[in-house]
Amino acid sequence: MPTYRRIVIPGSTYFFTVVTFQRQKFLTKSKCRQILREVLDEVRQKHPFTIESWVLLPDHLHCMWTLPSEEANFSKRWGLIKAKFAKRAKELFHKADRMTESRAKHRESAIWQRRFWEHLVRDDADFHRHFDYIHYNPVKHGLVSRVKDWPFSTFHRFVRQGIYPDDWGGNISFDSEETFRE
C-alpha cells in the first residue's frame, strides 16, 4: 500500500478536490445531493470540521475545510464520507461493468476515484485564491456563464453575507493550471 506524504497540521485549513470514478456525472442529482448532505452531517458529528467553502459539480467537488485545533485527520473524514456515500448510493450510481479486479479486492465501489487531492492553505492570500477558485469553478468548466447561476455552491451564502457582490466573477479568468490542479 502506498504511503503518501501529506502535510498534516491540527487546526489547519485545507483545499480538497474529490472526483467521481471515471468522471461519472451524477453529483448534482437531487438524490445524490441529499445523500451527500446526510453523510457530511453524520461524519461532522463524530469528526468535526468547518466547511469554509464548497462547490459541487457533476463529476467532482472542491471545498475548503478547517479542522479542529486538536487533530487533523482529514483522510479519515474523506474515507468515511466516501464509504458512507457509496454504501447508500450504490443502487443509484454503482455500475458493475465499471468494477475492476483491484476495486473488488479492496472492497471499493465504482463511485469515487480512489484518492483525493489536498492542499494545505498557507496564508490569507492562499485562502482567498482557493476561495475564489472554488466559487468560479462552474464558469471555468463552462457549466454556467455567471457564478451566481450555479446553485450548488456556497457562493450564494457569501453574497448574502456581503463577502461577494451578486455579480462577482464576470471578468475573472483562471488560466494557471499549475496553481490549481484537478
N, C-alpha and C. Protein backbone atom coordinates (compact mmCIF):
# COMPACT_ATOMS: atom_id res chain seq x y z
N MET A 1 0.84 -1.17 0.00
CA MET A 1 0.00 0.00 0.00
C MET A 1 0.89 1.24 0.00
N PRO A 2 0.63 2.20 -0.88
CA PRO A 2 1.48 3.38 -0.95
C PRO A 2 1.34 4.26 0.29
N THR A 3 2.41 4.94 0.60
CA THR A 3 2.41 5.91 1.68
C THR A 3 2.50 7.29 1.05
N TYR A 4 1.53 8.13 1.34
CA TYR A 4 1.50 9.47 0.76
C TYR A 4 2.10 10.46 1.74
N ARG A 5 2.88 11.38 1.21
CA ARG A 5 3.41 12.46 2.03
C ARG A 5 2.37 13.56 2.06
N ARG A 6 1.86 13.82 3.22
CA ARG A 6 0.84 14.84 3.38
C ARG A 6 1.27 15.75 4.53
N ILE A 7 0.99 17.01 4.37
CA ILE A 7 1.24 17.95 5.45
C ILE A 7 0.00 17.93 6.33
N VAL A 8 0.17 17.46 7.55
CA VAL A 8 -0.96 17.31 8.46
C VAL A 8 -0.69 18.15 9.70
N ILE A 9 -1.43 19.24 9.83
CA ILE A 9 -1.26 20.15 10.96
C ILE A 9 -2.62 20.39 11.62
N PRO A 10 -2.77 20.00 12.88
CA PRO A 10 -4.05 20.21 13.56
C PRO A 10 -4.49 21.67 13.49
N GLY A 11 -5.79 21.86 13.29
CA GLY A 11 -6.36 23.19 13.25
C GLY A 11 -6.17 23.95 11.94
N SER A 12 -5.57 23.31 10.96
CA SER A 12 -5.29 23.98 9.69
C SER A 12 -6.48 23.95 8.75
N THR A 13 -6.38 24.75 7.70
CA THR A 13 -7.37 24.78 6.64
C THR A 13 -6.78 24.11 5.42
N TYR A 14 -7.59 23.29 4.76
CA TYR A 14 -7.16 22.55 3.58
C TYR A 14 -8.14 22.75 2.44
N PHE A 15 -7.60 22.78 1.23
CA PHE A 15 -8.39 22.78 -0.01
C PHE A 15 -8.38 21.34 -0.53
N PHE A 16 -9.55 20.85 -0.96
CA PHE A 16 -9.66 19.48 -1.47
C PHE A 16 -10.34 19.45 -2.83
N THR A 17 -9.93 18.48 -3.63
CA THR A 17 -10.63 18.10 -4.84
C THR A 17 -10.92 16.61 -4.74
N VAL A 18 -12.19 16.25 -4.92
CA VAL A 18 -12.63 14.85 -4.87
C VAL A 18 -13.39 14.60 -6.17
N VAL A 19 -13.05 13.50 -6.84
CA VAL A 19 -13.57 13.23 -8.19
C VAL A 19 -14.30 11.88 -8.22
N THR A 20 -15.34 11.81 -9.01
CA THR A 20 -16.05 10.55 -9.20
C THR A 20 -15.22 9.59 -10.05
N PHE A 21 -15.49 8.32 -9.90
CA PHE A 21 -14.80 7.29 -10.67
C PHE A 21 -15.11 7.47 -12.15
N GLN A 22 -14.08 7.53 -12.95
CA GLN A 22 -14.18 7.73 -14.41
C GLN A 22 -15.01 8.97 -14.77
N ARG A 23 -14.95 9.95 -13.88
CA ARG A 23 -15.63 11.24 -14.09
C ARG A 23 -17.12 11.09 -14.42
N GLN A 24 -17.76 10.13 -13.76
CA GLN A 24 -19.21 9.98 -13.93
C GLN A 24 -19.90 11.26 -13.46
N LYS A 25 -20.93 11.66 -14.15
CA LYS A 25 -21.60 12.93 -13.88
C LYS A 25 -22.92 12.70 -13.13
N PHE A 26 -22.81 12.56 -11.80
CA PHE A 26 -24.02 12.34 -11.02
C PHE A 26 -24.09 13.17 -9.74
N LEU A 27 -23.05 13.86 -9.38
CA LEU A 27 -23.02 14.53 -8.07
C LEU A 27 -24.07 15.61 -7.88
N THR A 28 -24.54 16.22 -8.95
CA THR A 28 -25.52 17.30 -8.80
C THR A 28 -26.97 16.80 -8.86
N LYS A 29 -27.15 15.51 -9.01
CA LYS A 29 -28.52 14.96 -8.99
C LYS A 29 -29.11 15.12 -7.59
N SER A 30 -30.40 15.35 -7.54
CA SER A 30 -31.08 15.65 -6.28
C SER A 30 -30.83 14.59 -5.21
N LYS A 31 -31.03 13.32 -5.53
CA LYS A 31 -30.86 12.25 -4.55
C LYS A 31 -29.41 12.18 -4.08
N CYS A 32 -28.49 12.38 -4.98
CA CYS A 32 -27.07 12.38 -4.65
C CYS A 32 -26.75 13.49 -3.65
N ARG A 33 -27.25 14.68 -3.92
CA ARG A 33 -27.01 15.82 -3.02
C ARG A 33 -27.58 15.54 -1.63
N GLN A 34 -28.74 14.93 -1.59
CA GLN A 34 -29.37 14.60 -0.32
C GLN A 34 -28.50 13.61 0.47
N ILE A 35 -28.05 12.56 -0.19
CA ILE A 35 -27.21 11.56 0.46
C ILE A 35 -25.91 12.20 0.94
N LEU A 36 -25.29 12.99 0.09
CA LEU A 36 -24.03 13.63 0.46
C LEU A 36 -24.21 14.56 1.66
N ARG A 37 -25.28 15.32 1.68
CA ARG A 37 -25.57 16.21 2.81
C ARG A 37 -25.73 15.41 4.10
N GLU A 38 -26.49 14.31 4.05
CA GLU A 38 -26.69 13.46 5.23
C GLU A 38 -25.38 12.86 5.73
N VAL A 39 -24.58 12.38 4.80
CA VAL A 39 -23.30 11.76 5.16
C VAL A 39 -22.36 12.80 5.77
N LEU A 40 -22.31 13.97 5.18
CA LEU A 40 -21.46 15.04 5.73
C LEU A 40 -21.88 15.37 7.16
N ASP A 41 -23.18 15.50 7.38
CA ASP A 41 -23.67 15.80 8.73
C ASP A 41 -23.28 14.71 9.73
N GLU A 42 -23.43 13.45 9.33
CA GLU A 42 -23.07 12.34 10.22
C GLU A 42 -21.58 12.34 10.55
N VAL A 43 -20.75 12.50 9.54
CA VAL A 43 -19.30 12.48 9.76
C VAL A 43 -18.89 13.67 10.62
N ARG A 44 -19.45 14.83 10.36
CA ARG A 44 -19.09 16.03 11.13
C ARG A 44 -19.51 15.91 12.60
N GLN A 45 -20.54 15.14 12.89
CA GLN A 45 -20.94 14.96 14.30
C GLN A 45 -19.88 14.22 15.08
N LYS A 46 -19.28 13.21 14.49
CA LYS A 46 -18.26 12.41 15.18
C LYS A 46 -16.85 12.92 14.97
N HIS A 47 -16.62 13.55 13.82
CA HIS A 47 -15.28 14.04 13.46
C HIS A 47 -15.43 15.47 12.92
N PRO A 48 -15.55 16.44 13.80
CA PRO A 48 -15.89 17.81 13.39
C PRO A 48 -14.88 18.45 12.43
N PHE A 49 -15.39 19.31 11.61
CA PHE A 49 -14.61 20.21 10.76
C PHE A 49 -15.56 21.30 10.31
N THR A 50 -15.00 22.43 9.93
CA THR A 50 -15.79 23.55 9.43
C THR A 50 -15.64 23.62 7.93
N ILE A 51 -16.75 23.68 7.22
CA ILE A 51 -16.70 23.87 5.77
C ILE A 51 -16.60 25.36 5.51
N GLU A 52 -15.47 25.78 4.98
CA GLU A 52 -15.24 27.20 4.68
C GLU A 52 -15.88 27.60 3.36
N SER A 53 -15.79 26.72 2.38
CA SER A 53 -16.41 26.96 1.07
C SER A 53 -16.55 25.61 0.36
N TRP A 54 -17.45 25.60 -0.66
CA TRP A 54 -17.80 24.33 -1.29
C TRP A 54 -18.40 24.60 -2.65
N VAL A 55 -18.09 23.76 -3.61
CA VAL A 55 -18.80 23.74 -4.88
C VAL A 55 -18.93 22.29 -5.31
N LEU A 56 -20.12 21.96 -5.77
CA LEU A 56 -20.42 20.62 -6.23
C LEU A 56 -20.68 20.70 -7.73
N LEU A 57 -19.89 19.97 -8.51
CA LEU A 57 -20.07 19.91 -9.95
C LEU A 57 -20.51 18.49 -10.30
N PRO A 58 -20.93 18.25 -11.53
CA PRO A 58 -21.45 16.90 -11.86
C PRO A 58 -20.47 15.76 -11.58
N ASP A 59 -19.17 15.97 -11.80
CA ASP A 59 -18.22 14.87 -11.66
C ASP A 59 -17.12 15.09 -10.63
N HIS A 60 -17.14 16.21 -9.93
CA HIS A 60 -16.16 16.45 -8.87
C HIS A 60 -16.64 17.55 -7.94
N LEU A 61 -15.92 17.69 -6.84
CA LEU A 61 -16.22 18.77 -5.92
C LEU A 61 -14.91 19.38 -5.45
N HIS A 62 -15.02 20.63 -5.06
CA HIS A 62 -13.91 21.35 -4.42
C HIS A 62 -14.45 21.90 -3.11
N CYS A 63 -13.61 21.91 -2.10
CA CYS A 63 -14.02 22.53 -0.85
C CYS A 63 -12.80 22.91 -0.03
N MET A 64 -13.03 23.75 0.95
CA MET A 64 -12.02 24.06 1.95
C MET A 64 -12.62 23.77 3.32
N TRP A 65 -11.83 23.07 4.13
CA TRP A 65 -12.23 22.75 5.49
C TRP A 65 -11.20 23.31 6.45
N THR A 66 -11.67 23.70 7.63
CA THR A 66 -10.78 23.96 8.75
C THR A 66 -11.03 22.86 9.77
N LEU A 67 -9.94 22.23 10.18
CA LEU A 67 -10.02 21.10 11.10
C LEU A 67 -9.89 21.59 12.55
N PRO A 68 -10.34 20.78 13.51
CA PRO A 68 -10.24 21.19 14.91
C PRO A 68 -8.79 21.36 15.35
N SER A 69 -8.60 22.19 16.35
CA SER A 69 -7.24 22.50 16.81
C SER A 69 -6.52 21.30 17.40
N GLU A 70 -7.27 20.28 17.82
CA GLU A 70 -6.63 19.15 18.48
C GLU A 70 -6.28 17.99 17.54
N GLU A 71 -6.72 18.03 16.29
CA GLU A 71 -6.36 16.93 15.37
C GLU A 71 -6.56 17.33 13.92
N ALA A 72 -6.03 16.49 13.03
CA ALA A 72 -6.03 16.88 11.61
C ALA A 72 -6.19 15.71 10.66
N ASN A 73 -6.93 14.71 11.03
CA ASN A 73 -7.04 13.53 10.19
C ASN A 73 -8.12 13.71 9.12
N PHE A 74 -7.79 14.49 8.11
CA PHE A 74 -8.75 14.70 7.02
C PHE A 74 -8.94 13.45 6.18
N SER A 75 -7.92 12.60 6.09
CA SER A 75 -8.04 11.36 5.31
C SER A 75 -9.11 10.46 5.89
N LYS A 76 -9.17 10.36 7.20
CA LYS A 76 -10.21 9.54 7.84
C LYS A 76 -11.59 10.10 7.51
N ARG A 77 -11.73 11.42 7.56
CA ARG A 77 -13.02 12.05 7.27
C ARG A 77 -13.44 11.77 5.83
N TRP A 78 -12.52 11.95 4.88
CA TRP A 78 -12.86 11.68 3.49
C TRP A 78 -13.16 10.20 3.27
N GLY A 79 -12.42 9.34 3.92
CA GLY A 79 -12.70 7.90 3.80
C GLY A 79 -14.10 7.55 4.27
N LEU A 80 -14.49 8.12 5.40
CA LEU A 80 -15.84 7.87 5.92
C LEU A 80 -16.91 8.46 5.00
N ILE A 81 -16.69 9.67 4.53
CA ILE A 81 -17.67 10.32 3.64
C ILE A 81 -17.86 9.48 2.38
N LYS A 82 -16.75 9.11 1.76
CA LYS A 82 -16.83 8.36 0.51
C LYS A 82 -17.45 6.97 0.72
N ALA A 83 -17.08 6.30 1.80
CA ALA A 83 -17.60 4.95 2.07
C ALA A 83 -19.10 4.99 2.39
N LYS A 84 -19.49 5.92 3.24
CA LYS A 84 -20.92 6.01 3.60
C LYS A 84 -21.76 6.41 2.38
N PHE A 85 -21.24 7.34 1.59
CA PHE A 85 -21.97 7.74 0.39
C PHE A 85 -22.10 6.55 -0.56
N ALA A 86 -21.00 5.84 -0.78
CA ALA A 86 -21.01 4.71 -1.71
C ALA A 86 -22.00 3.63 -1.26
N LYS A 87 -22.05 3.39 0.03
CA LYS A 87 -22.97 2.37 0.54
C LYS A 87 -24.42 2.77 0.30
N ARG A 88 -24.73 4.03 0.55
CA ARG A 88 -26.12 4.49 0.39
C ARG A 88 -26.51 4.72 -1.06
N ALA A 89 -25.56 5.08 -1.88
CA ALA A 89 -25.87 5.41 -3.27
C ALA A 89 -25.59 4.27 -4.23
N LYS A 90 -25.17 3.15 -3.73
CA LYS A 90 -24.77 2.03 -4.59
C LYS A 90 -25.84 1.67 -5.61
N GLU A 91 -27.06 1.55 -5.17
CA GLU A 91 -28.14 1.16 -6.08
C GLU A 91 -28.40 2.22 -7.15
N LEU A 92 -28.10 3.47 -6.84
CA LEU A 92 -28.36 4.56 -7.78
C LEU A 92 -27.24 4.77 -8.80
N PHE A 93 -26.00 4.66 -8.36
CA PHE A 93 -24.88 5.10 -9.19
C PHE A 93 -23.84 4.05 -9.51
N HIS A 94 -23.83 2.95 -8.78
CA HIS A 94 -22.81 1.92 -8.99
C HIS A 94 -23.10 1.16 -10.29
N LYS A 95 -22.07 0.98 -11.10
CA LYS A 95 -22.19 0.23 -12.35
C LYS A 95 -21.24 -0.96 -12.27
N ALA A 96 -21.80 -2.15 -12.24
CA ALA A 96 -21.00 -3.36 -12.10
C ALA A 96 -19.97 -3.50 -13.22
N ASP A 97 -20.31 -3.03 -14.43
CA ASP A 97 -19.37 -3.16 -15.54
C ASP A 97 -18.14 -2.27 -15.37
N ARG A 98 -18.17 -1.37 -14.42
CA ARG A 98 -17.02 -0.49 -14.17
C ARG A 98 -16.11 -1.05 -13.07
N MET A 99 -16.53 -2.11 -12.45
CA MET A 99 -15.72 -2.71 -11.39
C MET A 99 -14.51 -3.40 -11.98
N THR A 100 -13.39 -3.21 -11.33
CA THR A 100 -12.16 -3.90 -11.73
C THR A 100 -11.82 -4.92 -10.66
N GLU A 101 -10.93 -5.82 -10.99
CA GLU A 101 -10.49 -6.81 -10.02
C GLU A 101 -9.87 -6.14 -8.80
N SER A 102 -9.09 -5.10 -9.06
CA SER A 102 -8.44 -4.37 -7.97
C SER A 102 -9.46 -3.71 -7.05
N ARG A 103 -10.49 -3.09 -7.63
CA ARG A 103 -11.53 -2.44 -6.81
C ARG A 103 -12.28 -3.47 -5.99
N ALA A 104 -12.58 -4.61 -6.57
CA ALA A 104 -13.27 -5.66 -5.83
C ALA A 104 -12.39 -6.17 -4.68
N LYS A 105 -11.12 -6.36 -4.96
CA LYS A 105 -10.17 -6.85 -3.95
C LYS A 105 -10.11 -5.90 -2.76
N HIS A 106 -10.13 -4.60 -3.04
CA HIS A 106 -10.04 -3.59 -1.97
C HIS A 106 -11.41 -3.16 -1.44
N ARG A 107 -12.45 -3.88 -1.84
CA ARG A 107 -13.83 -3.60 -1.41
C ARG A 107 -14.23 -2.15 -1.70
N GLU A 108 -13.88 -1.70 -2.88
CA GLU A 108 -14.21 -0.34 -3.31
C GLU A 108 -15.38 -0.37 -4.28
N SER A 109 -16.06 0.73 -4.34
CA SER A 109 -17.16 0.87 -5.30
C SER A 109 -16.61 1.50 -6.57
N ALA A 110 -17.43 1.56 -7.57
CA ALA A 110 -17.07 2.28 -8.80
C ALA A 110 -17.77 3.63 -8.80
N ILE A 111 -17.73 4.29 -7.64
CA ILE A 111 -18.38 5.59 -7.48
C ILE A 111 -17.37 6.73 -7.37
N TRP A 112 -16.32 6.54 -6.57
CA TRP A 112 -15.32 7.59 -6.34
C TRP A 112 -13.96 7.18 -6.88
N GLN A 113 -13.18 8.14 -7.31
CA GLN A 113 -11.77 7.86 -7.55
C GLN A 113 -11.15 7.48 -6.22
N ARG A 114 -10.14 6.66 -6.26
CA ARG A 114 -9.52 6.17 -5.04
C ARG A 114 -8.99 7.29 -4.15
N ARG A 115 -8.36 8.21 -4.72
CA ARG A 115 -7.67 9.24 -3.95
C ARG A 115 -8.41 10.57 -4.03
N PHE A 116 -7.91 11.53 -3.31
CA PHE A 116 -8.36 12.90 -3.41
C PHE A 116 -7.11 13.77 -3.40
N TRP A 117 -7.26 15.00 -3.78
CA TRP A 117 -6.13 15.92 -3.79
C TRP A 117 -6.35 16.94 -2.69
N GLU A 118 -5.30 17.19 -1.90
CA GLU A 118 -5.42 18.19 -0.85
C GLU A 118 -4.26 19.17 -0.93
N HIS A 119 -4.52 20.34 -0.39
CA HIS A 119 -3.52 21.40 -0.35
C HIS A 119 -3.67 22.13 0.98
N LEU A 120 -2.59 22.22 1.74
CA LEU A 120 -2.59 22.99 2.97
C LEU A 120 -2.66 24.47 2.62
N VAL A 121 -3.66 25.16 3.11
CA VAL A 121 -3.79 26.59 2.87
C VAL A 121 -2.78 27.29 3.78
N ARG A 122 -1.85 28.02 3.16
CA ARG A 122 -0.68 28.53 3.88
C ARG A 122 -0.86 29.90 4.54
N ASP A 123 -1.69 30.75 3.93
CA ASP A 123 -1.85 32.10 4.48
C ASP A 123 -3.15 32.70 3.94
N ASP A 124 -3.43 33.94 4.30
CA ASP A 124 -4.68 34.58 3.88
C ASP A 124 -4.78 34.70 2.36
N ALA A 125 -3.68 35.04 1.71
CA ALA A 125 -3.71 35.18 0.25
C ALA A 125 -4.04 33.83 -0.40
N ASP A 126 -3.45 32.77 0.10
CA ASP A 126 -3.71 31.42 -0.41
C ASP A 126 -5.17 31.04 -0.16
N PHE A 127 -5.67 31.37 1.01
CA PHE A 127 -7.08 31.10 1.33
C PHE A 127 -7.99 31.80 0.32
N HIS A 128 -7.75 33.08 0.07
CA HIS A 128 -8.62 33.84 -0.84
C HIS A 128 -8.52 33.35 -2.29
N ARG A 129 -7.32 32.94 -2.71
CA ARG A 129 -7.16 32.37 -4.06
C ARG A 129 -8.02 31.12 -4.22
N HIS A 130 -7.95 30.23 -3.25
CA HIS A 130 -8.72 28.99 -3.32
C HIS A 130 -10.21 29.23 -3.12
N PHE A 131 -10.55 30.16 -2.27
CA PHE A 131 -11.95 30.55 -2.03
C PHE A 131 -12.57 31.01 -3.35
N ASP A 132 -11.87 31.88 -4.05
CA ASP A 132 -12.36 32.37 -5.35
C ASP A 132 -12.38 31.25 -6.39
N TYR A 133 -11.33 30.44 -6.42
CA TYR A 133 -11.27 29.34 -7.38
C TYR A 133 -12.47 28.41 -7.22
N ILE A 134 -12.78 28.06 -6.00
CA ILE A 134 -13.92 27.17 -5.73
C ILE A 134 -15.19 27.75 -6.32
N HIS A 135 -15.44 29.01 -6.06
CA HIS A 135 -16.70 29.61 -6.49
C HIS A 135 -16.75 29.87 -8.00
N TYR A 136 -15.59 30.09 -8.61
CA TYR A 136 -15.56 30.36 -10.06
C TYR A 136 -15.55 29.07 -10.89
N ASN A 137 -15.33 27.93 -10.27
CA ASN A 137 -15.14 26.67 -10.97
C ASN A 137 -16.25 26.29 -11.94
N PRO A 138 -17.53 26.49 -11.64
CA PRO A 138 -18.58 26.14 -12.62
C PRO A 138 -18.47 26.97 -13.91
N VAL A 139 -18.01 28.21 -13.80
CA VAL A 139 -17.80 29.03 -15.00
C VAL A 139 -16.60 28.50 -15.77
N LYS A 140 -15.54 28.19 -15.05
CA LYS A 140 -14.32 27.64 -15.67
C LYS A 140 -14.63 26.40 -16.49
N HIS A 141 -15.54 25.56 -15.99
CA HIS A 141 -15.89 24.32 -16.69
C HIS A 141 -17.01 24.51 -17.71
N GLY A 142 -17.45 25.73 -17.91
CA GLY A 142 -18.46 26.01 -18.93
C GLY A 142 -19.87 25.57 -18.56
N LEU A 143 -20.13 25.36 -17.28
CA LEU A 143 -21.45 24.92 -16.85
C LEU A 143 -22.44 26.08 -16.77
N VAL A 144 -21.94 27.27 -16.50
CA VAL A 144 -22.73 28.50 -16.47
C VAL A 144 -21.84 29.63 -16.95
N SER A 145 -22.45 30.75 -17.31
CA SER A 145 -21.64 31.89 -17.74
C SER A 145 -21.42 32.89 -16.61
N ARG A 146 -22.19 32.78 -15.53
CA ARG A 146 -22.03 33.66 -14.38
C ARG A 146 -22.01 32.81 -13.11
N VAL A 147 -21.15 33.16 -12.19
CA VAL A 147 -21.01 32.40 -10.94
C VAL A 147 -22.34 32.27 -10.23
N LYS A 148 -23.10 33.34 -10.20
CA LYS A 148 -24.36 33.33 -9.45
C LYS A 148 -25.40 32.37 -10.04
N ASP A 149 -25.21 31.89 -11.26
CA ASP A 149 -26.16 30.98 -11.88
C ASP A 149 -25.96 29.52 -11.47
N TRP A 150 -24.87 29.20 -10.77
CA TRP A 150 -24.62 27.82 -10.35
C TRP A 150 -25.21 27.64 -8.94
N PRO A 151 -26.18 26.75 -8.78
CA PRO A 151 -26.87 26.64 -7.49
C PRO A 151 -26.14 25.82 -6.42
N PHE A 152 -25.15 25.02 -6.80
CA PHE A 152 -24.54 24.06 -5.87
C PHE A 152 -23.21 24.58 -5.33
N SER A 153 -23.27 25.70 -4.65
CA SER A 153 -22.07 26.39 -4.22
C SER A 153 -22.37 27.23 -2.98
N THR A 154 -21.35 27.45 -2.17
CA THR A 154 -21.51 28.34 -1.03
C THR A 154 -21.46 29.81 -1.46
N PHE A 155 -21.26 30.07 -2.73
CA PHE A 155 -21.22 31.45 -3.23
C PHE A 155 -22.44 32.25 -2.77
N HIS A 156 -23.61 31.66 -2.85
CA HIS A 156 -24.85 32.37 -2.52
C HIS A 156 -24.90 32.78 -1.05
N ARG A 157 -24.35 31.95 -0.17
CA ARG A 157 -24.27 32.30 1.25
C ARG A 157 -23.38 33.52 1.44
N PHE A 158 -22.28 33.55 0.69
CA PHE A 158 -21.33 34.66 0.85
C PHE A 158 -21.83 35.95 0.21
N VAL A 159 -22.70 35.83 -0.78
CA VAL A 159 -23.37 37.03 -1.31
C VAL A 159 -24.28 37.60 -0.23
N ARG A 160 -25.07 36.73 0.41
CA ARG A 160 -25.98 37.18 1.48
C ARG A 160 -25.22 37.82 2.63
N GLN A 161 -24.01 37.32 2.90
CA GLN A 161 -23.19 37.85 4.00
C GLN A 161 -22.41 39.10 3.59
N GLY A 162 -22.49 39.48 2.30
CA GLY A 162 -21.78 40.67 1.84
C GLY A 162 -20.32 40.45 1.51
N ILE A 163 -19.87 39.20 1.45
CA ILE A 163 -18.47 38.89 1.13
C ILE A 163 -18.22 39.02 -0.36
N TYR A 164 -19.17 38.58 -1.16
CA TYR A 164 -19.12 38.73 -2.62
C TYR A 164 -20.27 39.62 -3.07
N PRO A 165 -20.05 40.45 -4.11
CA PRO A 165 -21.20 41.10 -4.74
C PRO A 165 -21.92 40.07 -5.61
N ASP A 166 -23.19 40.27 -5.86
CA ASP A 166 -24.00 39.33 -6.64
C ASP A 166 -23.42 39.07 -8.02
N ASP A 167 -22.77 40.06 -8.61
CA ASP A 167 -22.24 39.92 -9.97
C ASP A 167 -20.75 39.55 -10.01
N TRP A 168 -20.21 39.05 -8.89
CA TRP A 168 -18.79 38.69 -8.83
C TRP A 168 -18.45 37.62 -9.86
N GLY A 169 -17.26 37.70 -10.41
CA GLY A 169 -16.75 36.67 -11.31
C GLY A 169 -17.02 36.91 -12.76
N GLY A 170 -17.50 38.09 -13.11
CA GLY A 170 -17.81 38.37 -14.51
C GLY A 170 -16.60 38.45 -15.41
N ASN A 171 -15.48 38.91 -14.89
CA ASN A 171 -14.29 39.11 -15.74
C ASN A 171 -13.07 38.34 -15.24
N ILE A 172 -13.27 37.38 -14.35
CA ILE A 172 -12.15 36.64 -13.81
C ILE A 172 -11.82 35.46 -14.71
N SER A 173 -10.54 35.20 -14.89
CA SER A 173 -10.12 34.05 -15.67
C SER A 173 -9.03 33.31 -14.91
N PHE A 174 -9.23 32.02 -14.69
CA PHE A 174 -8.21 31.19 -14.05
C PHE A 174 -7.55 30.39 -15.15
N ASP A 175 -6.33 30.79 -15.52
CA ASP A 175 -5.65 30.05 -16.57
C ASP A 175 -4.39 29.39 -16.06
N SER A 176 -4.15 29.42 -14.77
CA SER A 176 -2.96 28.82 -14.21
C SER A 176 -3.26 27.43 -13.68
N GLU A 177 -3.15 26.44 -14.51
CA GLU A 177 -3.39 25.06 -14.09
C GLU A 177 -2.27 24.57 -13.18
N GLU A 178 -1.13 25.29 -13.16
CA GLU A 178 -0.06 24.92 -12.26
C GLU A 178 -0.47 25.14 -10.81
N THR A 179 -1.25 26.18 -10.59
CA THR A 179 -1.67 26.52 -9.24
C THR A 179 -2.82 25.64 -8.80
N PHE A 180 -3.78 25.39 -9.68
CA PHE A 180 -5.00 24.67 -9.31
C PHE A 180 -5.15 23.44 -10.18
N ARG A 181 -4.74 22.30 -9.66
CA ARG A 181 -4.88 21.05 -10.40
C ARG A 181 -6.18 20.38 -10.04
N GLU A 182 -6.71 19.61 -10.98
CA GLU A 182 -7.91 18.82 -10.70
C GLU A 182 -7.62 17.38 -10.97
